[in-house]
């Protein structure tokens, strides 16, 4: 069992209150007593109780990080950026996975509130925002990644999904493709809808109308991309290129193309979105739209810290620029 302040007080022969003051560098404690207490605390392996300390300081130096899919390599890169920035500032991170469920997201947020975290960094699981607005209305501070919530207690950090998708599809159009399929992600998520909008705008700008037979609903996972791409490839007029809503989906698209006995990019070109680590592997070489994932995580924590230190509303929207990375799949 970890030693407590009372254990240190017993060893030091002073009162519980004196130990507390010494640990908090209170001016009423003599230098000799403070040094004795600090020496004993170190010797005994004392670690302050974050919750108890938070009752006094009104901060626990912990934050909640709520992500929709930790199996998607995009999100661990974001988490790494958050954790590194938090560690540099002496903060700890509680990581929660929602599996794209708004109900689980709400449960995690309530659990984190009970732990009295100093704020949240959230990648929303859907566009159902009622529960998120409730925690903001309660005075909690939050930074949202890959999703926008308009509230004075929040900051949103997003990539320009519409422009990124346009860049992807325009790249395929310039390569001569006119029958371009779209394999989407979770339907009620802004990220998916914005990338579909970019896909649509790119086609329209080239005078090409939507062909709904070439559009399929996915789930942002490889397995979903694999299943719906096989449907596309069996059309009488199959697409000669496919834009996938994220890289995991694109991996499923690549697998489907190969399983159907087609060549990439000669028969079907493929472009993804995110530029996860797998995308650059020699066996894959996926053309994709890159996001600054690690930097996004660092920025999210820095903004949350700034919000907690400053008074007044922090409502802000930060839009990051996407980048087209051309590789062998297109």
C-alpha atoms as a PDB file:
ATOM      1  CA  UNK A   1       0.000   0.000   0.000  1.00  0.00           C
ATOM      2  CA  UNK A   2       1.322   3.439  -0.904  1.00  0.00           C
ATOM      3  CA  UNK A   3       2.410   5.650   2.004  1.00  0.00           C
ATOM      4  CA  UNK A   4       0.149   8.541   2.952  1.00  0.00           C
ATOM      5  CA  UNK A   5       0.729  11.990   4.405  1.00  0.00           C
ATOM      6  CA  UNK A   6      -0.165  10.557   7.810  1.00  0.00           C
ATOM      7  CA  UNK A   7       2.596   7.922   7.476  1.00  0.00           C
ATOM      8  CA  UNK A   8       5.134  10.644   6.714  1.00  0.00           C
ATOM      9  CA  UNK A   9       3.871  12.717   9.666  1.00  0.00           C
ATOM     10  CA  UNK A  10       4.345   9.742  12.010  1.00  0.00           C
ATOM     11  CA  UNK A  11       7.933   9.175  10.839  1.00  0.00           C
ATOM     12  CA  UNK A  12       8.785  12.883  10.931  1.00  0.00           C
ATOM     13  CA  UNK A  13       7.229  13.455  14.335  1.00  0.00           C
ATOM     14  CA  UNK A  14       5.146  16.377  13.106  1.00  0.00           C
ATOM     15  CA  UNK A  15       1.474  16.969  12.477  1.00  0.00           C
ATOM     16  CA  UNK A  16      -0.443  15.914   9.383  1.00  0.00           C
ATOM     17  CA  UNK A  17      -1.047  19.592   8.573  1.00  0.00           C
ATOM     18  CA  UNK A  18       2.678  20.380   8.768  1.00  0.00           C
ATOM     19  CA  UNK A  19       3.508  17.625   6.266  1.00  0.00           C
ATOM     20  CA  UNK A  20       0.817  18.932   3.923  1.00  0.00           C
ATOM     21  CA  UNK A  21       2.204  22.456   4.159  1.00  0.00           C
ATOM     22  CA  UNK A  22       5.772  21.254   3.633  1.00  0.00           C
ATOM     23  CA  UNK A  23       4.841  19.287   0.525  1.00  0.00           C
ATOM     24  CA  UNK A  24       3.090  22.355  -0.864  1.00  0.00           C
ATOM     25  CA  UNK A  25       6.029  24.668  -0.034  1.00  0.00           C
ATOM     26  CA  UNK A  26       4.015  26.748   2.453  1.00  0.00           C
ATOM     27  CA  UNK A  27       5.982  29.732   3.824  1.00  0.00           C
ATOM     28  CA  UNK A  28       5.007  28.996   7.460  1.00  0.00           C
ATOM     29  CA  UNK A  29       7.072  25.775   7.449  1.00  0.00           C
ATOM     30  CA  UNK A  30      10.752  26.090   8.355  1.00  0.00           C
ATOM     31  CA  UNK A  31      13.427  25.128   5.855  1.00  0.00           C
ATOM     32  CA  UNK A  32      14.705  22.319   8.097  1.00  0.00           C
ATOM     33  CA  UNK A  33      11.238  20.794   8.533  1.00  0.00           C
ATOM     34  CA  UNK A  34      10.454  21.060   4.835  1.00  0.00           C
ATOM     35  CA  UNK A  35      13.713  19.346   3.861  1.00  0.00           C
ATOM     36  CA  UNK A  36      13.089  16.578   6.412  1.00  0.00           C
ATOM     37  CA  UNK A  37       9.563  15.982   5.117  1.00  0.00           C
ATOM     38  CA  UNK A  38      10.648  15.996   1.466  1.00  0.00           C
ATOM     39  CA  UNK A  39      13.486  13.567   2.223  1.00  0.00           C
ATOM     40  CA  UNK A  40      11.132  11.156   3.989  1.00  0.00           C
ATOM     41  CA  UNK A  41       8.525  11.467   1.231  1.00  0.00           C
ATOM     42  CA  UNK A  42      11.118  10.480  -1.363  1.00  0.00           C
ATOM     43  CA  UNK A  43      12.560   7.689   0.800  1.00  0.00           C
ATOM     44  CA  UNK A  44       9.108   6.206   1.477  1.00  0.00           C
ATOM     45  CA  UNK A  45       8.022   6.427  -2.171  1.00  0.00           C
ATOM     46  CA  UNK A  46       5.196   8.845  -1.484  1.00  0.00           C
ATOM     47  CA  UNK A  47       3.100   9.938  -4.443  1.00  0.00           C
ATOM     48  CA  UNK A  48       0.410  12.586  -4.005  1.00  0.00           C
ATOM     49  CA  UNK A  49      -3.187  11.501  -4.525  1.00  0.00           C
ATOM     50  CA  UNK A  50      -4.314  13.345  -7.653  1.00  0.00           C
ATOM     51  CA  UNK A  51      -7.994  13.316  -6.696  1.00  0.00           C
ATOM     52  CA  UNK A  52      -7.344  14.568  -3.154  1.00  0.00           C
ATOM     53  CA  UNK A  53      -5.002  17.242  -4.468  1.00  0.00           C
ATOM     54  CA  UNK A  54      -7.586  18.210  -7.041  1.00  0.00           C
ATOM     55  CA  UNK A  55     -10.137  18.931  -4.323  1.00  0.00           C
ATOM     56  CA  UNK A  56      -7.776  21.609  -3.037  1.00  0.00           C
ATOM     57  CA  UNK A  57      -6.245  22.968  -6.251  1.00  0.00           C
ATOM     58  CA  UNK A  58      -9.359  22.469  -8.404  1.00  0.00           C
ATOM     59  CA  UNK A  59      -7.240  20.580 -10.953  1.00  0.00           C
ATOM     60  CA  UNK A  60      -6.145  16.950 -11.238  1.00  0.00           C
ATOM     61  CA  UNK A  61      -3.603  17.407 -14.039  1.00  0.00           C
ATOM     62  CA  UNK A  62      -5.411  14.682 -15.961  1.00  0.00           C
ATOM     63  CA  UNK A  63      -7.356  14.858 -19.216  1.00  0.00           C
ATOM     64  CA  UNK A  64      -9.691  12.513 -21.046  1.00  0.00           C
ATOM     65  CA  UNK A  65      -8.924  11.442 -24.623  1.00  0.00           C
ATOM     66  CA  UNK A  66     -11.978   9.889 -26.285  1.00  0.00           C
ATOM     67  CA  UNK A  67     -11.441   8.256 -29.691  1.00  0.00           C
ATOM     68  CA  UNK A  68     -13.826   6.304 -31.937  1.00  0.00           C
ATOM     69  CA  UNK A  69     -11.509   3.516 -33.112  1.00  0.00           C
ATOM     70  CA  UNK A  70      -8.084   2.819 -31.601  1.00  0.00           C
ATOM     71  CA  UNK A  71      -7.557   0.022 -34.155  1.00  0.00           C
ATOM     72  CA  UNK A  72      -7.431   2.647 -36.909  1.00  0.00           C
ATOM     73  CA  UNK A  73      -3.738   3.701 -37.173  1.00  0.00           C
ATOM     74  CA  UNK A  74      -4.811   7.317 -37.664  1.00  0.00           C
ATOM     75  CA  UNK A  75      -5.968   7.708 -34.063  1.00  0.00           C
ATOM     76  CA  UNK A  76      -2.925   6.238 -32.239  1.00  0.00           C
ATOM     77  CA  UNK A  77      -0.786   8.830 -34.051  1.00  0.00           C
ATOM     78  CA  UNK A  78      -3.082  11.570 -32.748  1.00  0.00           C
ATOM     79  CA  UNK A  79      -2.983   9.985 -29.283  1.00  0.00           C
ATOM     80  CA  UNK A  80       0.816   9.916 -29.356  1.00  0.00           C
ATOM     81  CA  UNK A  81       0.873  13.647 -30.021  1.00  0.00           C
ATOM     82  CA  UNK A  82      -1.569  14.298 -27.177  1.00  0.00           C
ATOM     83  CA  UNK A  83       0.330  12.093 -24.721  1.00  0.00           C
ATOM     84  CA  UNK A  84       3.731  13.576 -25.543  1.00  0.00           C
ATOM     85  CA  UNK A  85       2.517  17.154 -25.113  1.00  0.00           C
ATOM     86  CA  UNK A  86       0.638  16.217 -21.927  1.00  0.00           C
ATOM     87  CA  UNK A  87       3.685  14.474 -20.428  1.00  0.00           C
ATOM     88  CA  UNK A  88       5.862  17.516 -21.113  1.00  0.00           C
ATOM     89  CA  UNK A  89       3.414  19.596 -19.061  1.00  0.00           C
ATOM     90  CA  UNK A  90       3.075  17.076 -16.213  1.00  0.00           C
ATOM     91  CA  UNK A  91      -0.363  15.784 -17.209  1.00  0.00           C
ATOM     92  CA  UNK A  92      -1.681  12.228 -17.459  1.00  0.00           C
ATOM     93  CA  UNK A  93      -4.117  10.996 -20.110  1.00  0.00           C
ATOM     94  CA  UNK A  94      -7.113   8.668 -19.727  1.00  0.00           C
ATOM     95  CA  UNK A  95      -7.720   6.982 -23.109  1.00  0.00           C
ATOM     96  CA  UNK A  96     -11.217   5.759 -23.987  1.00  0.00           C
ATOM     97  CA  UNK A  97     -12.415   3.969 -27.145  1.00  0.00           C
ATOM     98  CA  UNK A  98     -16.038   4.382 -28.296  1.00  0.00           C
ATOM     99  CA  UNK A  99     -16.074   1.963 -31.258  1.00  0.00           C
ATOM    100  CA  UNK A 100     -18.109   4.555 -33.211  1.00  0.00           C
ATOM    101  CA  UNK A 101     -20.921   4.408 -30.631  1.00  0.00           C
ATOM    102  CA  UNK A 102     -22.413   7.671 -29.318  1.00  0.00           C
ATOM    103  CA  UNK A 103     -23.838   5.735 -26.349  1.00  0.00           C
ATOM    104  CA  UNK A 104     -20.396   4.473 -25.316  1.00  0.00           C
ATOM    105  CA  UNK A 105     -19.010   7.939 -25.917  1.00  0.00           C
ATOM    106  CA  UNK A 106     -21.521   9.401 -23.470  1.00  0.00           C
ATOM    107  CA  UNK A 107     -20.721   6.709 -20.875  1.00  0.00           C
ATOM    108  CA  UNK A 108     -16.983   7.413 -21.131  1.00  0.00           C
ATOM    109  CA  UNK A 109     -17.509  11.162 -20.799  1.00  0.00           C
ATOM    110  CA  UNK A 110     -19.585  10.735 -17.629  1.00  0.00           C
ATOM    111  CA  UNK A 111     -16.954   8.390 -16.147  1.00  0.00           C
ATOM    112  CA  UNK A 112     -14.215  10.907 -16.914  1.00  0.00           C
ATOM    113  CA  UNK A 113     -16.227  13.718 -15.347  1.00  0.00           C
ATOM    114  CA  UNK A 114     -16.457  11.646 -12.175  1.00  0.00           C
ATOM    115  CA  UNK A 115     -12.666  11.402 -12.202  1.00  0.00           C
ATOM    116  CA  UNK A 116     -12.639  15.222 -12.333  1.00  0.00           C
ATOM    117  CA  UNK A 117     -10.407  15.443 -15.390  1.00  0.00           C
ATOM    118  CA  UNK A 118      -9.312  18.952 -16.338  1.00  0.00           C
ATOM    119  CA  UNK A 119     -10.760  18.698 -19.832  1.00  0.00           C
ATOM    120  CA  UNK A 120     -11.463  16.497 -22.827  1.00  0.00           C
ATOM    121  CA  UNK A 121     -10.028  15.864 -26.255  1.00  0.00           C
ATOM    122  CA  UNK A 122     -12.677  14.106 -28.346  1.00  0.00           C
ATOM    123  CA  UNK A 123     -12.961  12.762 -31.870  1.00  0.00           C
ATOM    124  CA  UNK A 124     -16.781  12.520 -32.067  1.00  0.00           C
ATOM    125  CA  UNK A 125     -18.257   9.165 -32.996  1.00  0.00           C
ATOM    126  CA  UNK A 126     -21.218  10.701 -34.846  1.00  0.00           C
ATOM    127  CA  UNK A 127     -23.075  13.935 -35.534  1.00  0.00           C
ATOM    128  CA  UNK A 128     -25.345  13.229 -32.543  1.00  0.00           C
ATOM    129  CA  UNK A 129     -23.981  16.002 -30.339  1.00  0.00           C
ATOM    130  CA  UNK A 130     -26.566  16.458 -27.573  1.00  0.00           C
ATOM    131  CA  UNK A 131     -24.502  14.672 -24.903  1.00  0.00           C
ATOM    132  CA  UNK A 132     -21.371  16.600 -25.904  1.00  0.00           C
ATOM    133  CA  UNK A 133     -23.160  19.923 -25.643  1.00  0.00           C
ATOM    134  CA  UNK A 134     -24.372  18.951 -22.154  1.00  0.00           C
ATOM    135  CA  UNK A 135     -20.848  18.546 -20.807  1.00  0.00           C
ATOM    136  CA  UNK A 136     -19.829  21.860 -22.349  1.00  0.00           C
ATOM    137  CA  UNK A 137     -22.883  23.574 -20.859  1.00  0.00           C
ATOM    138  CA  UNK A 138     -21.802  22.144 -17.479  1.00  0.00           C
ATOM    139  CA  UNK A 139     -18.585  24.170 -17.734  1.00  0.00           C
ATOM    140  CA  UNK A 140     -16.226  21.464 -19.004  1.00  0.00           C
ATOM    141  CA  UNK A 141     -13.613  22.450 -21.576  1.00  0.00           C
ATOM    142  CA  UNK A 142     -13.050  20.348 -24.682  1.00  0.00           C
ATOM    143  CA  UNK A 143     -11.065  20.219 -27.905  1.00  0.00           C
ATOM    144  CA  UNK A 144     -12.664  18.345 -30.779  1.00  0.00           C
ATOM    145  CA  UNK A 145     -10.597  16.590 -33.446  1.00  0.00           C
ATOM    146  CA  UNK A 146     -12.067  15.771 -36.863  1.00  0.00           C
ATOM    147  CA  UNK A 147     -15.375  17.289 -35.821  1.00  0.00           C
ATOM    148  CA  UNK A 148     -16.815  20.754 -35.277  1.00  0.00           C
ATOM    149  CA  UNK A 149     -18.962  21.791 -32.336  1.00  0.00           C
ATOM    150  CA  UNK A 150     -19.983  25.414 -31.991  1.00  0.00           C
ATOM    151  CA  UNK A 151     -19.775  26.208 -28.271  1.00  0.00           C
ATOM    152  CA  UNK A 152     -17.875  28.815 -26.220  1.00  0.00           C
ATOM    153  CA  UNK A 153     -16.132  26.106 -24.153  1.00  0.00           C
ATOM    154  CA  UNK A 154     -14.681  24.301 -27.144  1.00  0.00           C
ATOM    155  CA  UNK A 155     -12.020  24.404 -29.830  1.00  0.00           C
ATOM    156  CA  UNK A 156     -12.298  22.361 -33.035  1.00  0.00           C
ATOM    157  CA  UNK A 157      -9.245  21.157 -34.963  1.00  0.00           C
ATOM    158  CA  UNK A 158     -10.059  19.702 -38.359  1.00  0.00           C
ATOM    159  CA  UNK A 159      -8.481  18.984 -41.704  1.00  0.00           C
ATOM    160  CA  UNK A 160     -10.061  20.588 -44.768  1.00  0.00           C
ATOM    161  CA  UNK A 161     -11.860  17.391 -45.737  1.00  0.00           C
ATOM    162  CA  UNK A 162     -13.698  18.900 -48.688  1.00  0.00           C
ATOM    163  CA  UNK A 163     -10.531  20.284 -50.254  1.00  0.00           C
ATOM    164  CA  UNK A 164      -8.607  17.082 -49.512  1.00  0.00           C
ATOM    165  CA  UNK A 165     -11.218  14.939 -51.250  1.00  0.00           C
ATOM    166  CA  UNK A 166     -11.281  17.312 -54.208  1.00  0.00           C
ATOM    167  CA  UNK A 167      -7.499  16.987 -54.512  1.00  0.00           C
ATOM    168  CA  UNK A 168      -7.772  13.188 -54.496  1.00  0.00           C
ATOM    169  CA  UNK A 169     -10.465  13.014 -57.174  1.00  0.00           C
ATOM    170  CA  UNK A 170      -8.902  15.747 -59.328  1.00  0.00           C
ATOM    171  CA  UNK A 171      -5.683  13.710 -59.310  1.00  0.00           C
ATOM    172  CA  UNK A 172      -7.609  10.728 -60.706  1.00  0.00           C
ATOM    173  CA  UNK A 173      -9.394  12.900 -63.262  1.00  0.00           C
ATOM    174  CA  UNK A 174      -6.068  14.252 -64.495  1.00  0.00           C
ATOM    175  CA  UNK A 175      -4.926  10.662 -64.924  1.00  0.00           C
ATOM    176  CA  UNK A 176      -7.782  10.199 -67.400  1.00  0.00           C
ATOM    177  CA  UNK A 177     -10.326   8.434 -65.183  1.00  0.00           C
ATOM    178  CA  UNK A 178     -13.999   9.342 -65.637  1.00  0.00           C
ATOM    179  CA  UNK A 179     -15.715   6.409 -63.918  1.00  0.00           C
ATOM    180  CA  UNK A 180     -14.586   7.068 -60.335  1.00  0.00           C
ATOM    181  CA  UNK A 181     -16.155   5.201 -57.431  1.00  0.00           C
ATOM    182  CA  UNK A 182     -16.526   6.401 -53.844  1.00  0.00           C
ATOM    183  CA  UNK A 183     -16.301   4.035 -50.881  1.00  0.00           C
ATOM    184  CA  UNK A 184     -17.416   5.936 -47.793  1.00  0.00           C
ATOM    185  CA  UNK A 185     -17.248   5.568 -44.045  1.00  0.00           C
ATOM    186  CA  UNK A 186     -19.695   5.851 -41.154  1.00  0.00           C
ATOM    187  CA  UNK A 187     -22.667   7.740 -42.573  1.00  0.00           C
ATOM    188  CA  UNK A 188     -23.602  10.120 -39.748  1.00  0.00           C
ATOM    189  CA  UNK A 189     -20.053  11.420 -39.251  1.00  0.00           C
ATOM    190  CA  UNK A 190     -19.133  14.848 -40.591  1.00  0.00           C
ATOM    191  CA  UNK A 191     -15.753  13.606 -41.830  1.00  0.00           C
ATOM    192  CA  UNK A 192     -17.404  11.140 -44.207  1.00  0.00           C
ATOM    193  CA  UNK A 193     -19.996  13.630 -45.422  1.00  0.00           C
ATOM    194  CA  UNK A 194     -17.381  16.308 -46.109  1.00  0.00           C
ATOM    195  CA  UNK A 195     -15.188  13.904 -48.067  1.00  0.00           C
ATOM    196  CA  UNK A 196     -18.178  12.830 -50.131  1.00  0.00           C
ATOM    197  CA  UNK A 197     -18.926  16.506 -50.803  1.00  0.00           C
ATOM    198  CA  UNK A 198     -15.356  17.020 -52.030  1.00  0.00           C
ATOM    199  CA  UNK A 199     -15.700  13.959 -54.290  1.00  0.00           C
ATOM    200  CA  UNK A 200     -18.925  15.346 -55.707  1.00  0.00           C
ATOM    201  CA  UNK A 201     -17.521  18.856 -56.227  1.00  0.00           C
ATOM    202  CA  UNK A 202     -14.487  17.544 -58.099  1.00  0.00           C
ATOM    203  CA  UNK A 203     -16.663  15.566 -60.517  1.00  0.00           C
ATOM    204  CA  UNK A 204     -19.014  18.499 -61.051  1.00  0.00           C
ATOM    205  CA  UNK A 205     -16.121  20.860 -61.754  1.00  0.00           C
ATOM    206  CA  UNK A 206     -15.153  18.551 -64.649  1.00  0.00           C
ATOM    207  CA  UNK A 207     -18.738  18.351 -65.914  1.00  0.00           C
ATOM    208  CA  UNK A 208     -19.234  14.779 -64.688  1.00  0.00           C
ATOM    209  CA  UNK A 209     -22.488  13.852 -62.967  1.00  0.00           C
ATOM    210  CA  UNK A 210     -22.829  11.496 -60.011  1.00  0.00           C
ATOM    211  CA  UNK A 211     -23.405   7.845 -60.789  1.00  0.00           C
ATOM    212  CA  UNK A 212     -25.004   6.426 -57.676  1.00  0.00           C
ATOM    213  CA  UNK A 213     -24.149   2.863 -58.702  1.00  0.00           C
ATOM    214  CA  UNK A 214     -20.485   3.817 -58.152  1.00  0.00           C
ATOM    215  CA  UNK A 215     -21.082   5.016 -54.584  1.00  0.00           C
ATOM    216  CA  UNK A 216     -21.016   2.625 -51.634  1.00  0.00           C
ATOM    217  CA  UNK A 217     -21.436   2.989 -47.874  1.00  0.00           C
ATOM    218  CA  UNK A 218     -18.574   1.649 -45.778  1.00  0.00           C
ATOM    219  CA  UNK A 219     -17.627   1.807 -42.113  1.00  0.00           C
ATOM    220  CA  UNK A 220     -14.085   3.292 -42.084  1.00  0.00           C
ATOM    221  CA  UNK A 221     -12.680  -0.249 -41.675  1.00  0.00           C
ATOM    222  CA  UNK A 222     -10.774  -2.548 -44.022  1.00  0.00           C
ATOM    223  CA  UNK A 223     -13.418  -5.267 -43.926  1.00  0.00           C
ATOM    224  CA  UNK A 224     -16.143  -2.816 -44.943  1.00  0.00           C
ATOM    225  CA  UNK A 225     -14.046  -1.491 -47.797  1.00  0.00           C
ATOM    226  CA  UNK A 226     -13.360  -5.020 -49.011  1.00  0.00           C
ATOM    227  CA  UNK A 227     -17.024  -6.063 -49.048  1.00  0.00           C
ATOM    228  CA  UNK A 228     -18.492  -3.053 -50.851  1.00  0.00           C
ATOM    229  CA  UNK A 229     -15.637  -2.781 -53.354  1.00  0.00           C
ATOM    230  CA  UNK A 230     -16.385  -6.307 -54.569  1.00  0.00           C
ATOM    231  CA  UNK A 231     -19.900  -5.062 -55.343  1.00  0.00           C
ATOM    232  CA  UNK A 232     -18.468  -2.164 -57.363  1.00  0.00           C
ATOM    233  CA  UNK A 233     -16.074  -4.361 -59.312  1.00  0.00           C
ATOM    234  CA  UNK A 234     -18.874  -6.674 -60.414  1.00  0.00           C
ATOM    235  CA  UNK A 235     -20.874  -3.862 -62.016  1.00  0.00           C
ATOM    236  CA  UNK A 236     -21.324  -4.102 -65.785  1.00  0.00           C
ATOM    237  CA  UNK A 237     -19.483  -0.785 -66.047  1.00  0.00           C
ATOM    238  CA  UNK A 238     -17.122  -0.975 -63.111  1.00  0.00           C
ATOM    239  CA  UNK A 239     -15.133   2.059 -61.940  1.00  0.00           C
ATOM    240  CA  UNK A 240     -11.619   2.476 -63.297  1.00  0.00           C
ATOM    241  CA  UNK A 241     -10.655   4.322 -60.110  1.00  0.00           C
ATOM    242  CA  UNK A 242     -11.892   4.436 -56.512  1.00  0.00           C
ATOM    243  CA  UNK A 243     -11.561   7.143 -53.870  1.00  0.00           C
ATOM    244  CA  UNK A 244     -11.828   5.698 -50.347  1.00  0.00           C
ATOM    245  CA  UNK A 245     -12.929   7.828 -47.387  1.00  0.00           C
ATOM    246  CA  UNK A 246      -9.919   6.761 -45.315  1.00  0.00           C
ATOM    247  CA  UNK A 247      -6.804   4.626 -45.650  1.00  0.00           C
ATOM    248  CA  UNK A 248      -8.165   1.616 -43.774  1.00  0.00           C
ATOM    249  CA  UNK A 249     -11.047   1.509 -46.217  1.00  0.00           C
ATOM    250  CA  UNK A 250      -8.539   1.916 -49.056  1.00  0.00           C
ATOM    251  CA  UNK A 251      -6.642  -1.173 -47.839  1.00  0.00           C
ATOM    252  CA  UNK A 252      -9.889  -3.123 -48.192  1.00  0.00           C
ATOM    253  CA  UNK A 253     -10.348  -1.665 -51.679  1.00  0.00           C
ATOM    254  CA  UNK A 254      -6.841  -2.801 -52.674  1.00  0.00           C
ATOM    255  CA  UNK A 255      -7.502  -6.290 -51.346  1.00  0.00           C
ATOM    256  CA  UNK A 256     -10.779  -6.546 -53.261  1.00  0.00           C
ATOM    257  CA  UNK A 257      -9.174  -5.431 -56.526  1.00  0.00           C
ATOM    258  CA  UNK A 258      -6.436  -8.058 -56.195  1.00  0.00           C
ATOM    259  CA  UNK A 259      -8.874 -10.809 -55.210  1.00  0.00           C
ATOM    260  CA  UNK A 260     -10.914 -10.041 -58.329  1.00  0.00           C
ATOM    261  CA  UNK A 261      -7.801 -10.635 -60.428  1.00  0.00           C
ATOM    262  CA  UNK A 262      -7.376  -6.990 -61.473  1.00  0.00           C
ATOM    263  CA  UNK A 263      -4.174  -4.955 -61.587  1.00  0.00           C
ATOM    264  CA  UNK A 264      -3.455  -1.753 -59.630  1.00  0.00           C
ATOM    265  CA  UNK A 265      -3.382   0.905 -61.034  1.00  0.00           C
ATOM    266  CA  UNK A 266      -3.693  -0.409 -64.610  1.00  0.00           C
ATOM    267  CA  UNK A 267      -7.253  -1.743 -64.144  1.00  0.00           C
ATOM    268  CA  UNK A 268      -8.292   0.157 -61.033  1.00  0.00           C
ATOM    269  CA  UNK A 269      -6.489   3.117 -59.454  1.00  0.00           C
ATOM    270  CA  UNK A 270      -6.990   3.754 -55.734  1.00  0.00           C
ATOM    271  CA  UNK A 271      -6.623   6.847 -53.541  1.00  0.00           C
ATOM    272  CA  UNK A 272      -7.174   6.963 -49.767  1.00  0.00           C
ATOM    273  CA  UNK A 273      -7.246   9.637 -47.072  1.00  0.00           C
ATOM    274  CA  UNK A 274      -5.106  10.016 -43.876  1.00  0.00           C
ATOM    275  CA  UNK A 275      -1.633   8.723 -44.859  1.00  0.00           C
ATOM    276  CA  UNK A 276      -1.363   6.171 -42.060  1.00  0.00           C
ATOM    277  CA  UNK A 277       1.985   4.405 -41.622  1.00  0.00           C
ATOM    278  CA  UNK A 278       0.867   1.344 -43.591  1.00  0.00           C
ATOM    279  CA  UNK A 279       0.232   3.518 -46.664  1.00  0.00           C
ATOM    280  CA  UNK A 280       3.929   3.985 -47.424  1.00  0.00           C
ATOM    281  CA  UNK A 281       4.957   0.326 -47.084  1.00  0.00           C
ATOM    282  CA  UNK A 282       6.683  -0.987 -50.253  1.00  0.00           C
ATOM    283  CA  UNK A 283       4.018  -3.694 -50.607  1.00  0.00           C
ATOM    284  CA  UNK A 284       1.234  -1.069 -50.603  1.00  0.00           C
ATOM    285  CA  UNK A 285       2.498   2.359 -51.811  1.00  0.00           C
ATOM    286  CA  UNK A 286      -0.963   3.935 -51.447  1.00  0.00           C
ATOM    287  CA  UNK A 287      -1.683   7.328 -52.976  1.00  0.00           C
ATOM    288  CA  UNK A 288      -3.476   9.289 -50.278  1.00  0.00           C
ATOM    289  CA  UNK A 289      -4.290  12.621 -48.681  1.00  0.00           C
ATOM    290  CA  UNK A 290      -1.978  13.278 -45.733  1.00  0.00           C
ATOM    291  CA  UNK A 291      -3.066  14.744 -42.413  1.00  0.00           C
ATOM    292  CA  UNK A 292      -0.607  16.028 -39.758  1.00  0.00           C
ATOM    293  CA  UNK A 293      -1.825  13.495 -37.192  1.00  0.00           C
ATOM    294  CA  UNK A 294       0.872  13.765 -34.526  1.00  0.00           C
ATOM    295  CA  UNK A 295       0.917  17.567 -34.747  1.00  0.00           C
ATOM    296  CA  UNK A 296      -2.878  17.589 -34.492  1.00  0.00           C
ATOM    297  CA  UNK A 297      -2.655  15.731 -31.180  1.00  0.00           C
ATOM    298  CA  UNK A 298      -0.003  18.070 -29.783  1.00  0.00           C
ATOM    299  CA  UNK A 299      -1.989  21.124 -30.845  1.00  0.00           C
ATOM    300  CA  UNK A 300      -5.153  19.722 -29.282  1.00  0.00           C
ATOM    301  CA  UNK A 301      -3.495  19.399 -25.876  1.00  0.00           C
ATOM    302  CA  UNK A 302      -1.860  22.815 -26.131  1.00  0.00           C
ATOM    303  CA  UNK A 303      -5.218  24.408 -26.915  1.00  0.00           C
ATOM    304  CA  UNK A 304      -6.881  22.590 -24.006  1.00  0.00           C
ATOM    305  CA  UNK A 305      -4.156  23.769 -21.637  1.00  0.00           C
ATOM    306  CA  UNK A 306      -4.547  27.302 -22.925  1.00  0.00           C
ATOM    307  CA  UNK A 307      -8.314  27.165 -22.407  1.00  0.00           C
ATOM    308  CA  UNK A 308      -7.855  26.075 -18.790  1.00  0.00           C
ATOM    309  CA  UNK A 309      -5.403  28.889 -18.060  1.00  0.00           C
ATOM    310  CA  UNK A 310      -7.373  31.692 -19.635  1.00  0.00           C
ATOM    311  CA  UNK A 311     -10.721  33.139 -18.613  1.00  0.00           C
ATOM    312  CA  UNK A 312     -13.584  33.738 -21.006  1.00  0.00           C
ATOM    313  CA  UNK A 313     -14.878  31.813 -24.026  1.00  0.00           C
ATOM    314  CA  UNK A 314     -12.385  29.930 -26.176  1.00  0.00           C
ATOM    315  CA  UNK A 315     -14.613  29.172 -29.165  1.00  0.00           C
ATOM    316  CA  UNK A 316     -12.251  28.590 -32.075  1.00  0.00           C
ATOM    317  CA  UNK A 317     -12.040  26.544 -35.269  1.00  0.00           C
ATOM    318  CA  UNK A 318      -8.642  25.554 -36.643  1.00  0.00           C
ATOM    319  CA  UNK A 319      -8.575  24.156 -40.178  1.00  0.00           C
ATOM    320  CA  UNK A 320      -5.403  22.332 -41.234  1.00  0.00           C
ATOM    321  CA  UNK A 321      -4.307  21.961 -44.844  1.00  0.00           C
ATOM    322  CA  UNK A 322      -4.317  18.524 -46.516  1.00  0.00           C
ATOM    323  CA  UNK A 323      -1.531  17.308 -48.803  1.00  0.00           C
ATOM    324  CA  UNK A 324      -1.711  14.919 -51.748  1.00  0.00           C
ATOM    325  CA  UNK A 325       0.902  12.148 -51.555  1.00  0.00           C
ATOM    326  CA  UNK A 326       1.196  10.320 -54.883  1.00  0.00           C
ATOM    327  CA  UNK A 327       2.395   6.721 -54.831  1.00  0.00           C
ATOM    328  CA  UNK A 328       2.025   3.589 -56.972  1.00  0.00           C
ATOM    329  CA  UNK A 329      -1.713   2.883 -56.577  1.00  0.00           C
ATOM    330  CA  UNK A 330      -2.658   5.724 -58.932  1.00  0.00           C
END
